[in-house]
Amino acid sequence: MTEMQNELITLVDEEGNEHQFMLLDIINVRESDYAIMVATDELADDEADEQEAVIFRIEENENGQQTLIVVEEDDEWEAVVAAWEELIGLEDE
């Protein structure tokens, strides 16, 4: 897991609304880095049995700044989930 695990990150959407996420991990899959996060409002929801993670691909823009792109393609999402589940499964042993 990353050193930044459980760090709170505020992201601003296209409409200027702020959303707070907890960073669970950053992993590398298929030569790309991915941030696995969960919205903090889901963490506060006592009725949620499982929090749904959001996966962002970390890319560098033309200014050299890191940007987060939501992973929407099923095969890419499933590859990252499988890699992360394998990683956390290995850490639990």
Protein backbone atom coordinates (compact mmCIF):
# COMPACT_ATOMS: atom_id res chain seq x y z
CA MET A 1 0.00 0.00 0.00
CA THR A 2 1.05 3.58 -0.46
CA GLU A 3 2.51 5.85 2.19
CA MET A 4 -0.42 8.21 1.54
CA GLN A 5 -3.00 5.58 2.46
CA ASN A 6 -6.12 7.02 4.14
CA GLU A 7 -5.19 10.57 3.16
CA LEU A 8 -8.17 12.85 2.57
CA ILE A 9 -8.24 14.46 -0.86
CA THR A 10 -10.64 17.14 -2.09
CA LEU A 11 -11.49 16.99 -5.78
CA VAL A 12 -13.33 19.66 -7.74
CA ASP A 13 -15.72 18.49 -10.46
CA GLU A 14 -16.42 20.19 -13.79
CA GLU A 15 -19.14 22.35 -12.18
CA GLY A 16 -16.84 23.59 -9.40
CA ASN A 17 -18.36 21.39 -6.67
CA GLU A 18 -15.94 19.97 -4.12
CA HIS A 19 -16.01 16.29 -3.19
CA GLN A 20 -13.89 14.72 -0.47
CA PHE A 21 -12.36 11.27 -0.91
CA MET A 22 -10.19 9.01 1.19
CA LEU A 23 -7.26 7.56 -0.72
CA LEU A 24 -7.14 3.82 -0.16
CA ASP A 25 -4.21 2.98 -2.41
CA ILE A 26 -2.22 3.81 -5.53
CA ILE A 27 -1.28 0.84 -7.68
CA ASN A 28 0.35 0.28 -11.06
CA VAL A 29 -1.53 -1.85 -13.61
CA ARG A 30 -0.58 -2.23 -17.27
CA GLU A 31 2.07 0.49 -16.95
CA SER A 32 -0.42 3.08 -15.63
CA ASP A 33 -0.90 4.33 -12.07
CA TYR A 34 -4.36 4.24 -10.51
CA ALA A 35 -5.72 5.87 -7.37
CA ILE A 36 -8.35 3.86 -5.51
CA MET A 37 -10.57 6.11 -3.41
CA VAL A 38 -13.86 6.12 -1.58
CA ALA A 39 -16.08 9.16 -1.09
CA THR A 40 -16.08 10.26 2.54
CA ASP A 41 -19.87 10.65 2.53
CA GLU A 42 -20.08 6.90 1.90
CA LEU A 43 -17.81 6.29 4.89
CA ALA A 44 -20.23 8.20 7.11
CA ASP A 45 -23.26 6.23 5.89
CA ASP A 46 -23.93 3.73 8.68
CA GLU A 47 -26.28 1.73 6.48
CA ALA A 48 -23.68 1.00 3.80
CA ASP A 49 -22.41 -2.55 4.18
CA GLU A 50 -19.71 -2.00 1.60
CA GLN A 51 -18.28 1.25 0.38
CA GLU A 52 -18.02 1.53 -3.38
CA ALA A 53 -14.54 2.53 -4.43
CA VAL A 54 -13.88 4.90 -7.29
CA ILE A 55 -10.89 4.22 -9.51
CA PHE A 56 -9.00 7.10 -11.12
CA ARG A 57 -6.23 6.74 -13.69
CA ILE A 58 -3.40 9.16 -12.86
CA GLU A 59 -2.22 11.05 -15.93
CA GLU A 60 0.09 13.97 -16.46
CA ASN A 61 -1.29 16.94 -18.40
CA GLU A 62 0.62 19.20 -20.80
CA ASN A 63 1.70 21.40 -17.85
CA GLY A 64 3.28 18.45 -16.04
CA GLN A 65 0.54 18.36 -13.39
CA GLN A 66 -1.06 15.11 -12.35
CA THR A 67 -4.75 14.76 -13.18
CA LEU A 68 -7.25 12.10 -12.21
CA ILE A 69 -9.43 10.49 -14.87
CA VAL A 70 -12.37 8.34 -13.72
CA VAL A 71 -12.02 4.81 -15.11
CA GLU A 72 -15.23 4.02 -16.98
CA GLU A 73 -14.20 1.23 -19.36
CA ASP A 74 -15.22 -2.15 -17.95
CA ASP A 75 -12.08 -4.08 -18.93
CA GLU A 76 -9.74 -1.44 -17.49
CA TRP A 77 -11.81 -1.18 -14.30
CA GLU A 78 -11.93 -4.96 -13.84
CA ALA A 79 -8.15 -5.27 -14.37
CA VAL A 80 -7.46 -2.67 -11.68
CA VAL A 81 -9.94 -4.26 -9.25
CA ALA A 82 -8.41 -7.71 -9.79
CA ALA A 83 -4.89 -6.37 -9.24
CA TRP A 84 -5.93 -4.49 -6.11
CA GLU A 85 -7.81 -7.48 -4.66
CA GLU A 86 -4.75 -9.65 -5.27
CA LEU A 87 -2.51 -7.07 -3.60
CA ILE A 88 -4.66 -6.67 -0.49
CA GLY A 89 -5.20 -10.43 -0.34
CA LEU A 90 -1.45 -10.95 -0.26
CA GLU A 91 -1.03 -8.32 2.45
CA ASP A 92 -3.65 -9.99 4.64
CA GLU A 93 -1.74 -13.28 4.67
